[in-house]
Every structure is written in C-alpha cells, then in structure tokens.
C-alpha cells in the first residue's frame, strides 16, 4: 500500500513538472513572438542568474517592476538582491531583484498588481512581492 502511494505521488510530481515546463515554454515563446499580444500586457519573462526563465505577472511603474510569487521561485533571489533579465513587451531589460519584507507594502502593491484577487488568497499561499529596480 505504501509503495503504491509513493509511486502515485512520484508520477504526479513528475507529470506536474513536465506540464509546468511545457506551459512555461509556450508562454515564453508567445511573449517573444507577440510582444503586443494580450498576454504580454500582463505577463513578462524573468531570467535568473542560473539561466532559469519563468513567465510571471508583472506591474511596471517607472523604473520599478513588481511581480508576485505564489510559488518558491522567489527563493532564487539572494537576500542582498540578484541580477535578473526581463522580457517585457518585446524589450530586453535588466535589473536587480529583491524580495519585500514589508507585509503592508506588499499588500498595497498587490492591490495594483492583482486588482481582482482577494488579499486573503495571497496571504493563504504566502505570496511574496518581488521588486526589480531596472538598470
């Protein structure tokens, strides 16, 4: 019984990983080929120093770009900040990313970044605010 449960969980984890990578690849390709498309209005691609690239929702205000991380990708950002590359509406940008430690500021920005999402949902999943200061 325990072996069956472990096998099922392993298959689910692998399937989830394969689906996420396939989905991310398709979204990033769409961001590259359709920089003025509907998705590119609200989704950017962020590339970390290790070369990993993810599509994430964003909000740009001047030279600052905000992203909400509902998953653990924010852990790729060093406590002192990490250099990242961004693809926003066909434009290649670079900057330094950090994770906000100020909960009040985080949820104030989330109101603009995710106007249709309830605050309790972000709190429930432990969402983090990633702040990127452009070079």
Protein backbone atom coordinates (compact mmCIF):
# COMPACT_ATOMS: atom_id res chain seq x y z
CA UNK A 1 0.00 0.00 0.00
CA UNK A 2 2.75 2.48 0.97
CA UNK A 3 4.69 1.64 -2.20
CA UNK A 4 1.59 2.38 -4.31
CA UNK A 5 1.05 5.73 -2.61
CA UNK A 6 4.70 6.69 -3.15
CA UNK A 7 4.51 5.62 -6.80
CA UNK A 8 1.35 7.65 -7.40
CA UNK A 9 2.84 10.72 -5.72
CA UNK A 10 6.02 10.36 -7.78
CA UNK A 11 4.02 10.17 -11.02
CA UNK A 12 2.01 13.24 -10.02
CA UNK A 13 5.15 15.25 -9.21
CA UNK A 14 6.84 14.28 -12.49
CA UNK A 15 3.69 14.99 -14.53
CA UNK A 16 3.29 18.36 -12.83
CA UNK A 17 6.92 19.27 -13.58
CA UNK A 18 6.61 18.25 -17.25
CA UNK A 19 3.33 20.17 -17.67
CA UNK A 20 4.71 23.31 -16.00
CA UNK A 21 7.84 23.31 -18.15
CA UNK A 22 5.83 22.74 -21.33
CA UNK A 23 3.38 25.51 -20.40
CA UNK A 24 6.16 27.93 -19.45
CA UNK A 25 7.98 27.28 -22.73
CA UNK A 26 4.83 28.00 -24.76
CA UNK A 27 4.09 31.21 -22.83
CA UNK A 28 7.66 32.49 -23.19
CA UNK A 29 7.58 31.78 -26.93
CA UNK A 30 4.31 33.72 -27.17
CA UNK A 31 5.88 36.65 -25.30
CA UNK A 32 8.74 36.66 -27.82
CA UNK A 33 6.61 36.33 -30.95
CA UNK A 34 3.67 38.50 -29.88
CA UNK A 35 5.15 41.37 -27.81
CA UNK A 36 1.99 43.43 -28.29
CA UNK A 37 -0.33 40.49 -27.62
CA UNK A 38 -2.93 40.31 -24.86
CA UNK A 39 -0.77 38.08 -22.65
CA UNK A 40 2.29 40.37 -22.98
CA UNK A 41 0.29 43.21 -21.42
CA UNK A 42 0.28 41.43 -18.07
CA UNK A 43 3.00 38.74 -18.26
CA UNK A 44 6.77 39.12 -18.50
CA UNK A 45 9.59 36.59 -18.61
CA UNK A 46 12.18 36.79 -15.84
CA UNK A 47 15.57 35.10 -16.18
CA UNK A 48 17.60 34.29 -13.08
CA UNK A 49 21.42 34.13 -12.86
CA UNK A 50 21.25 30.31 -13.15
CA UNK A 51 19.58 30.69 -16.59
CA UNK A 52 16.13 29.57 -15.49
CA UNK A 53 13.37 31.60 -17.17
CA UNK A 54 9.78 31.91 -15.93
CA UNK A 55 6.71 33.77 -17.14
CA UNK A 56 5.14 35.82 -14.34
CA UNK A 57 2.54 38.56 -13.99
CA UNK A 58 4.02 41.99 -13.51
CA UNK A 59 3.32 45.65 -12.86
CA UNK A 60 5.73 48.28 -14.13
CA UNK A 61 5.84 51.69 -12.51
CA UNK A 62 8.65 53.79 -13.97
CA UNK A 63 11.99 52.06 -13.35
CA UNK A 64 10.47 49.59 -10.90
CA UNK A 65 8.86 46.30 -11.86
CA UNK A 66 6.80 44.29 -9.39
CA UNK A 67 5.96 40.60 -9.55
CA UNK A 68 4.04 38.37 -7.18
CA UNK A 69 5.44 34.94 -6.41
CA UNK A 70 2.88 32.40 -5.24
CA UNK A 71 5.43 29.62 -5.58
CA UNK A 72 9.02 29.23 -4.43
CA UNK A 73 10.75 30.87 -7.39
CA UNK A 74 11.39 33.93 -5.22
CA UNK A 75 13.90 31.82 -3.28
CA UNK A 76 16.24 32.14 -6.30
CA UNK A 77 16.76 35.76 -5.25
CA UNK A 78 19.64 36.35 -2.84
CA UNK A 79 18.88 38.26 0.37
CA UNK A 80 21.10 41.12 -0.86
CA UNK A 81 19.44 41.14 -4.29
CA UNK A 82 20.09 39.29 -7.55
CA UNK A 83 20.71 40.49 -11.07
CA UNK A 84 17.91 39.38 -13.39
CA UNK A 85 16.92 39.85 -17.01
CA UNK A 86 13.38 40.65 -18.07
CA UNK A 87 11.43 40.43 -21.30
CA UNK A 88 8.61 42.96 -21.18
CA UNK A 89 6.57 43.65 -24.31
CA UNK A 90 9.47 42.62 -26.54
CA UNK A 91 12.01 44.74 -24.67
CA UNK A 92 15.03 43.10 -23.03
CA UNK A 93 15.72 44.77 -19.67
CA UNK A 94 17.97 44.06 -16.71
CA UNK A 95 17.82 44.98 -13.08
CA UNK A 96 18.29 43.91 -9.50
CA UNK A 97 15.56 41.87 -7.85
CA UNK A 98 14.82 41.74 -4.14
CA UNK A 99 12.00 40.33 -2.04
CA UNK A 100 9.95 42.75 0.07
CA UNK A 101 9.98 42.09 3.79
CA UNK A 102 7.31 44.75 4.43
CA UNK A 103 3.94 43.00 4.55
CA UNK A 104 1.90 46.22 4.50
CA UNK A 105 3.77 47.50 1.41
CA UNK A 106 3.48 44.07 -0.24
CA UNK A 107 -0.32 44.01 0.01
CA UNK A 108 -0.60 47.68 -1.02
CA UNK A 109 1.30 46.82 -4.25
CA UNK A 110 -0.71 43.61 -4.70
CA UNK A 111 -3.88 45.75 -4.87
CA UNK A 112 -2.48 47.32 -8.06
CA UNK A 113 -0.72 44.22 -9.37
CA UNK A 114 -3.68 41.89 -8.75
CA UNK A 115 -6.76 44.10 -8.54
CA UNK A 116 -9.17 41.17 -8.92
CA UNK A 117 -7.52 38.82 -6.43
CA UNK A 118 -8.63 38.92 -2.79
CA UNK A 119 -5.89 39.75 -0.28
CA UNK A 120 -6.74 36.71 1.82
CA UNK A 121 -5.83 34.43 -1.12
CA UNK A 122 -2.33 35.93 -1.39
CA UNK A 123 -1.88 35.58 2.36
CA UNK A 124 -3.14 32.00 2.29
CA UNK A 125 -0.49 30.90 -0.23
CA UNK A 126 2.24 33.04 1.35
CA UNK A 127 2.76 35.17 -1.76
CA UNK A 128 5.91 37.27 -1.87
CA UNK A 129 6.41 40.60 -3.59
CA UNK A 130 9.46 40.70 -5.84
CA UNK A 131 10.74 44.19 -6.59
CA UNK A 132 13.03 44.73 -9.57
CA UNK A 133 14.86 48.03 -9.89
CA UNK A 134 15.81 48.43 -13.56
CA UNK A 135 19.34 49.39 -14.56
